[in-house]
Amino acid sequence: MGIQDIIEGKKQWRAHQARVKALPPDYRIVYQEMQKYLFKVGPVDLEGDLLSGIVDFFQEGVAAGKGVLELIGDDVAAFCDGLVEDSRTYAEIYQESISGKSCKAGE
């Protein structure tokens, strides 16, 4: 990864963050909680596409005059889990590492 790639990545992230800041406060709060959740237990291959897709989805909800909880429901974590259900997650890797260590210790 060259310096130009790093600079371009930062530009894209800043543009993404500007889109998030333009959301209404309730949408922004939910997005930030989703982002924290996904960064913690989300897919290993968490790309900007997923986060950008969420912002696109939220912008469509705003344009339709819907509240954020009308779009995703009351359980933010369950909604996030649904988004990444077919992806390998950090939580799964962690569980596998614990299982692997306990099995080796028992041998």
PDB file of N, CA and C in Angstrom:
ATOM      1  N   MET A   1       0.854  -1.171   0.000  1.00  0.00           N
ATOM      2  CA  MET A   1       0.000   0.000   0.000  1.00  0.00           C
ATOM      3  C   MET A   1       0.898   1.231   0.000  1.00  0.00           C
ATOM      4  N   GLY A   2       0.729   2.030  -1.022  1.00  0.00           N
ATOM      5  CA  GLY A   2       1.532   3.228  -1.156  1.00  0.00           C
ATOM      6  C   GLY A   2       0.904   4.418  -0.450  1.00  0.00           C
ATOM      7  N   ILE A   3       1.657   5.493  -0.428  1.00  0.00           N
ATOM      8  CA  ILE A   3       1.190   6.716   0.232  1.00  0.00           C
ATOM      9  C   ILE A   3      -0.056   7.255  -0.453  1.00  0.00           C
ATOM     10  N   GLN A   4      -0.128   7.119  -1.778  1.00  0.00           N
ATOM     11  CA  GLN A   4      -1.304   7.597  -2.506  1.00  0.00           C
ATOM     12  C   GLN A   4      -2.551   6.817  -2.106  1.00  0.00           C
ATOM     13  N   ASP A   5      -2.393   5.506  -1.871  1.00  0.00           N
ATOM     14  CA  ASP A   5      -3.524   4.687  -1.428  1.00  0.00           C
ATOM     15  C   ASP A   5      -4.014   5.134  -0.054  1.00  0.00           C
ATOM     16  N   ILE A   6      -3.077   5.442   0.811  1.00  0.00           N
ATOM     17  CA  ILE A   6      -3.433   5.912   2.160  1.00  0.00           C
ATOM     18  C   ILE A   6      -4.162   7.252   2.079  1.00  0.00           C
ATOM     19  N   ILE A   7      -3.643   8.154   1.267  1.00  0.00           N
ATOM     20  CA  ILE A   7      -4.273   9.470   1.108  1.00  0.00           C
ATOM     21  C   ILE A   7      -5.676   9.320   0.532  1.00  0.00           C
ATOM     22  N   GLU A   8      -5.814   8.477  -0.484  1.00  0.00           N
ATOM     23  CA  GLU A   8      -7.127   8.267  -1.104  1.00  0.00           C
ATOM     24  C   GLU A   8      -8.106   7.640  -0.107  1.00  0.00           C
ATOM     25  N   GLY A   9      -7.619   6.700   0.677  1.00  0.00           N
ATOM     26  CA  GLY A   9      -8.464   6.076   1.696  1.00  0.00           C
ATOM     27  C   GLY A   9      -8.957   7.085   2.722  1.00  0.00           C
ATOM     28  N   LYS A  10      -8.072   7.981   3.129  1.00  0.00           N
ATOM     29  CA  LYS A  10      -8.464   9.020   4.086  1.00  0.00           C
ATOM     30  C   LYS A  10      -9.492   9.970   3.483  1.00  0.00           C
ATOM     31  N   LYS A  11      -9.320  10.313   2.213  1.00  0.00           N
ATOM     32  CA  LYS A  11     -10.291  11.184   1.545  1.00  0.00           C
ATOM     33  C   LYS A  11     -11.668  10.520   1.499  1.00  0.00           C
ATOM     34  N   GLN A  12     -11.671   9.233   1.147  1.00  0.00           N
ATOM     35  CA  GLN A  12     -12.940   8.505   1.082  1.00  0.00           C
ATOM     36  C   GLN A  12     -13.586   8.417   2.459  1.00  0.00           C
ATOM     37  N   TRP A  13     -12.786   8.165   3.497  1.00  0.00           N
ATOM     38  CA  TRP A  13     -13.338   8.067   4.850  1.00  0.00           C
ATOM     39  C   TRP A  13     -13.900   9.410   5.300  1.00  0.00           C
ATOM     40  N   ARG A  14     -13.209  10.487   5.003  1.00  0.00           N
ATOM     41  CA  ARG A  14     -13.706  11.820   5.379  1.00  0.00           C
ATOM     42  C   ARG A  14     -15.002  12.155   4.648  1.00  0.00           C
ATOM     43  N   ALA A  15     -15.094  11.782   3.379  1.00  0.00           N
ATOM     44  CA  ALA A  15     -16.329  12.017   2.626  1.00  0.00           C
ATOM     45  C   ALA A  15     -17.473  11.193   3.216  1.00  0.00           C
ATOM     46  N   HIS A  16     -17.158   9.964   3.620  1.00  0.00           N
ATOM     47  CA  HIS A  16     -18.154   9.100   4.254  1.00  0.00           C
ATOM     48  C   HIS A  16     -18.628   9.726   5.572  1.00  0.00           C
ATOM     49  N   GLN A  17     -17.697  10.188   6.370  1.00  0.00           N
ATOM     50  CA  GLN A  17     -18.040  10.807   7.655  1.00  0.00           C
ATOM     51  C   GLN A  17     -18.874  12.070   7.449  1.00  0.00           C
ATOM     52  N   ALA A  18     -18.619  12.813   6.392  1.00  0.00           N
ATOM     53  CA  ALA A  18     -19.418  14.008   6.101  1.00  0.00           C
ATOM     54  C   ALA A  18     -20.858  13.612   5.780  1.00  0.00           C
ATOM     55  N   ARG A  19     -21.037  12.502   5.072  1.00  0.00           N
ATOM     56  CA  ARG A  19     -22.394  12.003   4.779  1.00  0.00           C
ATOM     57  C   ARG A  19     -23.103  11.616   6.073  1.00  0.00           C
ATOM     58  N   VAL A  20     -22.368  11.004   6.989  1.00  0.00           N
ATOM     59  CA  VAL A  20     -22.964  10.599   8.266  1.00  0.00           C
ATOM     60  C   VAL A  20     -23.376  11.840   9.060  1.00  0.00           C
ATOM     61  N   LYS A  21     -22.521  12.841   9.091  1.00  0.00           N
ATOM     62  CA  LYS A  21     -22.822  14.068   9.841  1.00  0.00           C
ATOM     63  C   LYS A  21     -24.024  14.810   9.278  1.00  0.00           C
ATOM     64  N   ALA A  22     -24.331  14.593   8.001  1.00  0.00           N
ATOM     65  CA  ALA A  22     -25.475  15.261   7.375  1.00  0.00           C
ATOM     66  C   ALA A  22     -26.802  14.583   7.719  1.00  0.00           C
ATOM     67  N   LEU A  23     -26.742  13.391   8.324  1.00  0.00           N
ATOM     68  CA  LEU A  23     -27.973  12.694   8.713  1.00  0.00           C
ATOM     69  C   LEU A  23     -28.627  13.397   9.898  1.00  0.00           C
ATOM     70  N   PRO A  24     -29.936  13.239  10.062  1.00  0.00           N
ATOM     71  CA  PRO A  24     -30.595  13.772  11.264  1.00  0.00           C
ATOM     72  C   PRO A  24     -30.004  13.119  12.528  1.00  0.00           C
ATOM     73  N   PRO A  25     -30.118  13.783  13.673  1.00  0.00           N
ATOM     74  CA  PRO A  25     -29.487  13.282  14.899  1.00  0.00           C
ATOM     75  C   PRO A  25     -29.844  11.834  15.271  1.00  0.00           C
ATOM     76  N   ASP A  26     -31.113  11.442  15.146  1.00  0.00           N
ATOM     77  CA  ASP A  26     -31.475  10.081  15.536  1.00  0.00           C
ATOM     78  C   ASP A  26     -30.828   9.047  14.621  1.00  0.00           C
ATOM     79  N   TYR A  27     -30.785   9.328  13.344  1.00  0.00           N
ATOM     80  CA  TYR A  27     -30.121   8.437  12.390  1.00  0.00           C
ATOM     81  C   TYR A  27     -28.616   8.368  12.680  1.00  0.00           C
ATOM     82  N   ARG A  28     -28.025   9.529  12.967  1.00  0.00           N
ATOM     83  CA  ARG A  28     -26.590   9.591  13.233  1.00  0.00           C
ATOM     84  C   ARG A  28     -26.223   8.781  14.468  1.00  0.00           C
ATOM     85  N   ILE A  29     -27.025   8.880  15.501  1.00  0.00           N
ATOM     86  CA  ILE A  29     -26.767   8.125  16.737  1.00  0.00           C
ATOM     87  C   ILE A  29     -26.834   6.625  16.469  1.00  0.00           C
ATOM     88  N   VAL A  30     -27.863   6.197  15.761  1.00  0.00           N
ATOM     89  CA  VAL A  30     -28.011   4.769  15.451  1.00  0.00           C
ATOM     90  C   VAL A  30     -26.867   4.304  14.560  1.00  0.00           C
ATOM     91  N   TYR A  31     -26.499   5.114  13.577  1.00  0.00           N
ATOM     92  CA  TYR A  31     -25.379   4.738  12.706  1.00  0.00           C
ATOM     93  C   TYR A  31     -24.107   4.548  13.520  1.00  0.00           C
ATOM     94  N   GLN A  32     -23.828   5.477  14.421  1.00  0.00           N
ATOM     95  CA  GLN A  32     -22.610   5.382  15.233  1.00  0.00           C
ATOM     96  C   GLN A  32     -22.610   4.136  16.113  1.00  0.00           C
ATOM     97  N   GLU A  33     -23.761   3.770  16.637  1.00  0.00           N
ATOM     98  CA  GLU A  33     -23.852   2.536  17.430  1.00  0.00           C
ATOM     99  C   GLU A  33     -23.646   1.306  16.538  1.00  0.00           C
ATOM    100  N   MET A  34     -24.208   1.346  15.335  1.00  0.00           N
ATOM    101  CA  MET A  34     -24.013   0.245  14.396  1.00  0.00           C
ATOM    102  C   MET A  34     -22.544   0.120  14.022  1.00  0.00           C
ATOM    103  N   GLN A  35     -21.912   1.247  13.787  1.00  0.00           N
ATOM    104  CA  GLN A  35     -20.501   1.244  13.414  1.00  0.00           C
ATOM    105  C   GLN A  35     -19.656   0.642  14.542  1.00  0.00           C
ATOM    106  N   LYS A  36     -19.905   1.048  15.775  1.00  0.00           N
ATOM    107  CA  LYS A  36     -19.177   0.477  16.917  1.00  0.00           C
ATOM    108  C   LYS A  36     -19.376  -1.030  16.978  1.00  0.00           C
ATOM    109  N   TYR A  37     -20.624  -1.453  16.839  1.00  0.00           N
ATOM    110  CA  TYR A  37     -20.945  -2.879  16.911  1.00  0.00           C
ATOM    111  C   TYR A  37     -20.238  -3.643  15.798  1.00  0.00           C
ATOM    112  N   LEU A  38     -20.311  -3.126  14.580  1.00  0.00           N
ATOM    113  CA  LEU A  38     -19.693  -3.819  13.455  1.00  0.00           C
ATOM    114  C   LEU A  38     -18.171  -3.837  13.559  1.00  0.00           C
ATOM    115  N   PHE A  39     -17.577  -2.779  14.072  1.00  0.00           N
ATOM    116  CA  PHE A  39     -16.127  -2.765  14.244  1.00  0.00           C
ATOM    117  C   PHE A  39     -15.704  -3.762  15.323  1.00  0.00           C
ATOM    118  N   LYS A  40     -16.566  -3.981  16.290  1.00  0.00           N
ATOM    119  CA  LYS A  40     -16.229  -4.887  17.391  1.00  0.00           C
ATOM    120  C   LYS A  40     -16.433  -6.348  17.010  1.00  0.00           C
ATOM    121  N   VAL A  41     -17.569  -6.691  16.462  1.00  0.00           N
ATOM    122  CA  VAL A  41     -17.890  -8.098  16.199  1.00  0.00           C
ATOM    123  C   VAL A  41     -18.233  -8.365  14.742  1.00  0.00           C
ATOM    124  N   GLY A  42     -18.099  -7.350  13.932  1.00  0.00           N
ATOM    125  CA  GLY A  42     -18.532  -7.467  12.550  1.00  0.00           C
ATOM    126  C   GLY A  42     -17.619  -8.294  11.684  1.00  0.00           C
ATOM    127  N   PRO A  43     -17.862  -8.242  10.400  1.00  0.00           N
ATOM    128  CA  PRO A  43     -17.114  -9.082   9.467  1.00  0.00           C
ATOM    129  C   PRO A  43     -15.649  -8.694   9.399  1.00  0.00           C
ATOM    130  N   VAL A  44     -14.819  -9.699   9.177  1.00  0.00           N
ATOM    131  CA  VAL A  44     -13.394  -9.465   9.037  1.00  0.00           C
ATOM    132  C   VAL A  44     -13.140  -8.573   7.827  1.00  0.00           C
ATOM    133  N   ASP A  45     -13.903  -8.778   6.793  1.00  0.00           N
ATOM    134  CA  ASP A  45     -13.743  -8.013   5.564  1.00  0.00           C
ATOM    135  C   ASP A  45     -14.682  -6.812   5.538  1.00  0.00           C
ATOM    136  N   LEU A  46     -14.771  -6.108   6.656  1.00  0.00           N
ATOM    137  CA  LEU A  46     -15.639  -4.931   6.713  1.00  0.00           C
ATOM    138  C   LEU A  46     -15.086  -3.884   5.762  1.00  0.00           C
ATOM    139  N   GLU A  47     -15.808  -3.666   4.718  1.00  0.00           N
ATOM    140  CA  GLU A  47     -15.391  -2.710   3.707  1.00  0.00           C
ATOM    141  C   GLU A  47     -16.287  -1.488   3.775  1.00  0.00           C
ATOM    142  N   GLY A  48     -15.835  -0.434   3.122  1.00  0.00           N
ATOM    143  CA  GLY A  48     -16.636   0.770   3.056  1.00  0.00           C
ATOM    144  C   GLY A  48     -17.980   0.547   2.406  1.00  0.00           C
ATOM    145  N   ASP A  49     -18.094  -0.515   1.602  1.00  0.00           N
ATOM    146  CA  ASP A  49     -19.356  -0.783   0.920  1.00  0.00           C
ATOM    147  C   ASP A  49     -20.488  -1.028   1.909  1.00  0.00           C
ATOM    148  N   LEU A  50     -20.227  -1.773   2.958  1.00  0.00           N
ATOM    149  CA  LEU A  50     -21.270  -2.054   3.944  1.00  0.00           C
ATOM    150  C   LEU A  50     -21.672  -0.774   4.667  1.00  0.00           C
ATOM    151  N   LEU A  51     -20.697  -0.038   5.150  1.00  0.00           N
ATOM    152  CA  LEU A  51     -21.002   1.195   5.875  1.00  0.00           C
ATOM    153  C   LEU A  51     -21.640   2.231   4.952  1.00  0.00           C
ATOM    154  N   SER A  52     -21.144   2.338   3.733  1.00  0.00           N
ATOM    155  CA  SER A  52     -21.744   3.271   2.772  1.00  0.00           C
ATOM    156  C   SER A  52     -23.166   2.854   2.426  1.00  0.00           C
ATOM    157  N   GLY A  53     -23.379   1.546   2.330  1.00  0.00           N
ATOM    158  CA  GLY A  53     -24.717   1.041   2.056  1.00  0.00           C
ATOM    159  C   GLY A  53     -25.695   1.388   3.159  1.00  0.00           C
ATOM    160  N   ILE A  54     -25.223   1.351   4.397  1.00  0.00           N
ATOM    161  CA  ILE A  54     -26.074   1.716   5.528  1.00  0.00           C
ATOM    162  C   ILE A  54     -26.442   3.199   5.433  1.00  0.00           C
ATOM    163  N   VAL A  55     -25.463   4.041   5.105  1.00  0.00           N
ATOM    164  CA  VAL A  55     -25.737   5.479   4.970  1.00  0.00           C
ATOM    165  C   VAL A  55     -26.722   5.715   3.824  1.00  0.00           C
ATOM    166  N   ASP A  56     -26.542   5.006   2.709  1.00  0.00           N
ATOM    167  CA  ASP A  56     -27.485   5.135   1.587  1.00  0.00           C
ATOM    168  C   ASP A  56     -28.899   4.766   2.036  1.00  0.00           C
ATOM    169  N   PHE A  57     -29.002   3.645   2.750  1.00  0.00           N
ATOM    170  CA  PHE A  57     -30.286   3.164   3.264  1.00  0.00           C
ATOM    171  C   PHE A  57     -30.918   4.201   4.190  1.00  0.00           C
ATOM    172  N   PHE A  58     -30.109   4.779   5.067  1.00  0.00           N
ATOM    173  CA  PHE A  58     -30.606   5.803   5.985  1.00  0.00           C
ATOM    174  C   PHE A  58     -31.031   7.060   5.225  1.00  0.00           C
ATOM    175  N   GLN A  59     -30.278   7.463   4.225  1.00  0.00           N
ATOM    176  CA  GLN A  59     -30.653   8.646   3.447  1.00  0.00           C
ATOM    177  C   GLN A  59     -31.987   8.437   2.732  1.00  0.00           C
ATOM    178  N   GLU A  60     -32.222   7.227   2.250  1.00  0.00           N
ATOM    179  CA  GLU A  60     -33.502   6.913   1.623  1.00  0.00           C
ATOM    180  C   GLU A  60     -34.633   6.979   2.657  1.00  0.00           C
ATOM    181  N   GLY A  61     -34.365   6.511   3.878  1.00  0.00           N
ATOM    182  CA  GLY A  61     -35.354   6.577   4.946  1.00  0.00           C
ATOM    183  C   GLY A  61     -35.700   8.002   5.313  1.00  0.00           C
ATOM    184  N   VAL A  62     -34.670   8.843   5.372  1.00  0.00           N
ATOM    185  CA  VAL A  62     -34.891  10.260   5.661  1.00  0.00           C
ATOM    186  C   VAL A  62     -35.743  10.882   4.566  1.00  0.00           C
ATOM    187  N   ALA A  63     -35.410  10.598   3.317  1.00  0.00           N
ATOM    188  CA  ALA A  63     -36.155  11.161   2.182  1.00  0.00           C
ATOM    189  C   ALA A  63     -37.607  10.706   2.187  1.00  0.00           C
ATOM    190  N   ALA A  64     -37.852   9.479   2.690  1.00  0.00           N
ATOM    191  CA  ALA A  64     -39.220   8.950   2.751  1.00  0.00           C
ATOM    192  C   ALA A  64     -39.960   9.428   3.997  1.00  0.00           C
ATOM    193  N   GLY A  65     -39.267  10.156   4.868  1.00  0.00           N
ATOM    194  CA  GLY A  65     -39.898  10.680   6.072  1.00  0.00           C
ATOM    195  C   GLY A  65     -40.099   9.648   7.178  1.00  0.00           C
ATOM    196  N   LYS A  66     -39.314   8.577   7.151  1.00  0.00           N
ATOM    197  CA  LYS A  66     -39.444   7.524   8.163  1.00  0.00           C
ATOM    198  C   LYS A  66     -38.441   7.732   9.284  1.00  0.00           C
ATOM    199  N   GLY A  67     -38.805   7.276  10.456  1.00  0.00           N
ATOM    200  CA  GLY A  67     -37.882   7.278  11.583  1.00  0.00           C
ATOM    201  C   GLY A  67     -36.910   6.126  11.443  1.00  0.00           C
ATOM    202  N   VAL A  68     -35.753   6.265  12.055  1.00  0.00           N
ATOM    203  CA  VAL A  68     -34.716   5.251  11.911  1.00  0.00           C
ATOM    204  C   VAL A  68     -35.165   3.893  12.454  1.00  0.00           C
ATOM    205  N   LEU A  69     -35.917   3.887  13.556  1.00  0.00           N
ATOM    206  CA  LEU A  69     -36.363   2.612  14.124  1.00  0.00           C
ATOM    207  C   LEU A  69     -37.454   1.961  13.284  1.00  0.00           C
ATOM    208  N   GLU A  70     -38.151   2.747  12.468  1.00  0.00           N
ATOM    209  CA  GLU A  70     -39.101   2.167  11.511  1.00  0.00           C
ATOM    210  C   GLU A  70     -38.357   1.344  10.466  1.00  0.00           C
ATOM    211  N   LEU A  71     -37.149   1.766  10.138  1.00  0.00           N
ATOM    212  CA  LEU A  71     -36.359   1.078   9.121  1.00  0.00           C
ATOM    213  C   LEU A  71     -35.691  -0.187   9.651  1.00  0.00           C
ATOM    214  N   ILE A  72     -35.108  -0.086  10.834  1.00  0.00           N
ATOM    215  CA  ILE A  72     -34.278  -1.200  11.304  1.00  0.00           C
ATOM    216  C   ILE A  72     -34.889  -1.989  12.452  1.00  0.00           C
ATOM    217  N   GLY A  73     -35.916  -1.467  13.083  1.00  0.00           N
ATOM    218  CA  GLY A  73     -36.500  -2.135  14.241  1.00  0.00           C
ATOM    219  C   GLY A  73     -35.855  -1.654  15.532  1.00  0.00           C
ATOM    220  N   ASP A  74     -36.308  -2.221  16.644  1.00  0.00           N
ATOM    221  CA  ASP A  74     -35.833  -1.778  17.960  1.00  0.00           C
ATOM    222  C   ASP A  74     -34.477  -2.362  18.349  1.00  0.00           C
ATOM    223  N   ASP A  75     -34.085  -3.472  17.745  1.00  0.00           N
ATOM    224  CA  ASP A  75     -32.849  -4.154  18.130  1.00  0.00           C
ATOM    225  C   ASP A  75     -31.768  -3.886  17.081  1.00  0.00           C
ATOM    226  N   VAL A  76     -30.909  -2.923  17.380  1.00  0.00           N
ATOM    227  CA  VAL A  76     -29.861  -2.521  16.442  1.00  0.00           C
ATOM    228  C   VAL A  76     -28.884  -3.674  16.208  1.00  0.00           C
ATOM    229  N   ALA A  77     -28.512  -4.379  17.271  1.00  0.00           N
ATOM    230  CA  ALA A  77     -27.565  -5.491  17.144  1.00  0.00           C
ATOM    231  C   ALA A  77     -28.127  -6.593  16.253  1.00  0.00           C
ATOM    232  N   ALA A  78     -29.397  -6.903  16.402  1.00  0.00           N
ATOM    233  CA  ALA A  78     -30.017  -7.934  15.568  1.00  0.00           C
ATOM    234  C   ALA A  78     -30.023  -7.510  14.103  1.00  0.00           C
ATOM    235  N   PHE A  79     -30.275  -6.246  13.847  1.00  0.00           N
ATOM    236  CA  PHE A  79     -30.233  -5.742  12.478  1.00  0.00           C
ATOM    237  C   PHE A  79     -28.830  -5.896  11.899  1.00  0.00           C
ATOM    238  N   CYS A  80     -27.809  -5.531  12.680  1.00  0.00           N
ATOM    239  CA  CYS A  80     -26.420  -5.670  12.236  1.00  0.00           C
ATOM    240  C   CYS A  80     -26.066  -7.131  11.996  1.00  0.00           C
ATOM    241  N   ASP A  81     -26.518  -7.998  12.895  1.00  0.00           N
ATOM    242  CA  ASP A  81     -26.255  -9.427  12.720  1.00  0.00           C
ATOM    243  C   ASP A  81     -26.847  -9.934  11.414  1.00  0.00           C
ATOM    244  N   GLY A  82     -28.011  -9.439  11.065  1.00  0.00           N
ATOM    245  CA  GLY A  82     -28.636  -9.820   9.805  1.00  0.00           C
ATOM    246  C   GLY A  82     -27.832  -9.366   8.597  1.00  0.00           C
ATOM    247  N   LEU A  83     -27.184  -8.219   8.723  1.00  0.00           N
ATOM    248  CA  LEU A  83     -26.370  -7.711   7.618  1.00  0.00           C
ATOM    249  C   LEU A  83     -25.129  -8.563   7.367  1.00  0.00           C
ATOM    250  N   VAL A  84     -24.591  -9.137   8.428  1.00  0.00           N
ATOM    251  CA  VAL A  84     -23.316  -9.862   8.313  1.00  0.00           C
ATOM    252  C   VAL A  84     -23.458 -11.357   8.554  1.00  0.00           C
ATOM    253  N   GLU A  85     -24.681 -11.883   8.473  1.00  0.00           N
ATOM    254  CA  GLU A  85     -24.915 -13.274   8.855  1.00  0.00           C
ATOM    255  C   GLU A  85     -24.116 -14.281   8.044  1.00  0.00           C
ATOM    256  N   ASP A  86     -23.760 -13.983   6.820  1.00  0.00           N
ATOM    257  CA  ASP A  86     -23.004 -14.921   5.997  1.00  0.00           C
ATOM    258  C   ASP A  86     -21.512 -14.595   5.945  1.00  0.00           C
ATOM    259  N   SER A  87     -21.069 -13.674   6.775  1.00  0.00           N
ATOM    260  CA  SER A  87     -19.672 -13.250   6.775  1.00  0.00           C
ATOM    261  C   SER A  87     -18.945 -13.806   8.002  1.00  0.00           C
ATOM    262  N   ARG A  88     -17.675 -14.070   7.827  1.00  0.00           N
ATOM    263  CA  ARG A  88     -16.842 -14.500   8.950  1.00  0.00           C
ATOM    264  C   ARG A  88     -16.587 -13.271   9.824  1.00  0.00           C
ATOM    265  N   THR A  89     -16.803 -13.404  11.132  1.00  0.00           N
ATOM    266  CA  THR A  89     -16.690 -12.264  12.035  1.00  0.00           C
ATOM    267  C   THR A  89     -15.522 -12.418  12.993  1.00  0.00           C
ATOM    268  N   TYR A  90     -15.133 -11.289  13.580  1.00  0.00           N
ATOM    269  CA  TYR A  90     -14.084 -11.311  14.589  1.00  0.00           C
ATOM    270  C   TYR A  90     -14.519 -12.123  15.801  1.00  0.00           C
ATOM    271  N   ALA A  91     -15.797 -12.060  16.120  1.00  0.00           N
ATOM    272  CA  ALA A  91     -16.315 -12.829  17.251  1.00  0.00           C
ATOM    273  C   ALA A  91     -16.136 -14.329  17.010  1.00  0.00           C
ATOM    274  N   GLU A  92     -16.384 -14.791  15.786  1.00  0.00           N
ATOM    275  CA  GLU A  92     -16.200 -16.201  15.466  1.00  0.00           C
ATOM    276  C   GLU A  92     -14.732 -16.606  15.562  1.00  0.00           C
ATOM    277  N   ILE A  93     -13.863 -15.763  15.072  1.00  0.00           N
ATOM    278  CA  ILE A  93     -12.430 -16.048  15.150  1.00  0.00           C
ATOM    279  C   ILE A  93     -11.992 -16.141  16.604  1.00  0.00           C
ATOM    280  N   TYR A  94     -12.496 -15.232  17.428  1.00  0.00           N
ATOM    281  CA  TYR A  94     -12.168 -15.247  18.849  1.00  0.00           C
ATOM    282  C   TYR A  94     -12.671 -16.535  19.505  1.00  0.00           C
ATOM    283  N   GLN A  95     -13.911 -16.907  19.222  1.00  0.00           N
ATOM    284  CA  GLN A  95     -14.466 -18.138  19.787  1.00  0.00           C
ATOM    285  C   GLN A  95     -13.653 -19.356  19.352  1.00  0.00           C
ATOM    286  N   GLU A  96     -13.245 -19.381  18.089  1.00  0.00           N
ATOM    287  CA  GLU A  96     -12.426 -20.493  17.599  1.00  0.00           C
ATOM    288  C   GLU A  96     -11.084 -20.538  18.308  1.00  0.00           C
ATOM    289  N   SER A  97     -10.493 -19.374  18.562  1.00  0.00           N
ATOM    290  CA  SER A  97      -9.198 -19.356  19.241  1.00  0.00           C
ATOM    291  C   SER A  97      -9.324 -19.847  20.679  1.00  0.00           C
ATOM    292  N   ILE A  98     -10.432 -19.523  21.330  1.00  0.00           N
ATOM    293  CA  ILE A  98     -10.663 -20.007  22.693  1.00  0.00           C
ATOM    294  C   ILE A  98     -10.878 -21.511  22.679  1.00  0.00           C
ATOM    295  N   SER A  99     -11.680 -21.977  21.756  1.00  0.00           N
ATOM    296  CA  SER A  99     -11.963 -23.417  21.642  1.00  0.00           C
ATOM    297  C   SER A  99     -10.696 -24.178  21.332  1.00  0.00           C
ATOM    298  N   GLY A 100      -9.885 -23.650  20.441  1.00  0.00           N
ATOM    299  CA  GLY A 100      -8.646 -24.313  20.069  1.00  0.00           C
ATOM    300  C   GLY A 100      -7.681 -24.421  21.229  1.00  0.00           C
ATOM    301  N   LYS A 101      -7.596 -23.371  22.031  1.00  0.00           N
ATOM    302  CA  LYS A 101      -6.691 -23.376  23.175  1.00  0.00           C
ATOM    303  C   LYS A 101      -7.161 -24.340  24.253  1.00  0.00           C
ATOM    304  N   SER A 102      -8.480 -24.365  24.476  1.00  0.00           N
ATOM    305  CA  SER A 102      -8.979 -25.259  25.536  1.00  0.00           C
ATOM    306  C   SER A 102      -8.855 -26.715  25.120  1.00  0.00           C
ATOM    307  N   CYS A 103      -9.009 -27.022  23.828  1.00  0.00           N
ATOM    308  CA  CYS A 103      -8.855 -28.399  23.368  1.00  0.00           C
ATOM    309  C   CYS A 103      -7.417 -28.843  23.474  1.00  0.00           C
ATOM    310  N   LYS A 104      -6.479 -27.972  23.139  1.00  0.00           N
ATOM    311  CA  LYS A 104      -5.058 -28.332  23.210  1.00  0.00           C
ATOM    312  C   LYS A 104      -4.632 -28.519  24.658  1.00  0.00           C
ATOM    313  N   ALA A 105      -5.183 -27.722  25.559  1.00  0.00           N
ATOM    314  CA  ALA A 105      -4.820 -27.818  26.959  1.00  0.00           C
ATOM    315  C   ALA A 105      -5.328 -29.124  27.557  1.00  0.00           C
ATOM    316  N   GLY A 106      -6.437 -29.635  27.024  1.00  0.00           N
ATOM    317  CA  GLY A 106      -7.029 -30.848  27.561  1.00  0.00           C
ATOM    318  C   GLY A 106      -6.375 -32.111  27.043  1.00  0.00           C
ATOM    319  N   GLU A 107      -5.504 -32.000  26.037  1.00  0.00           N
ATOM    320  CA  GLU A 107      -4.881 -33.190  25.466  1.00  0.00           C
ATOM    321  C   GLU A 107      -3.819 -33.753  26.340  1.00  0.00           C
TER     322      GLU A 107
END
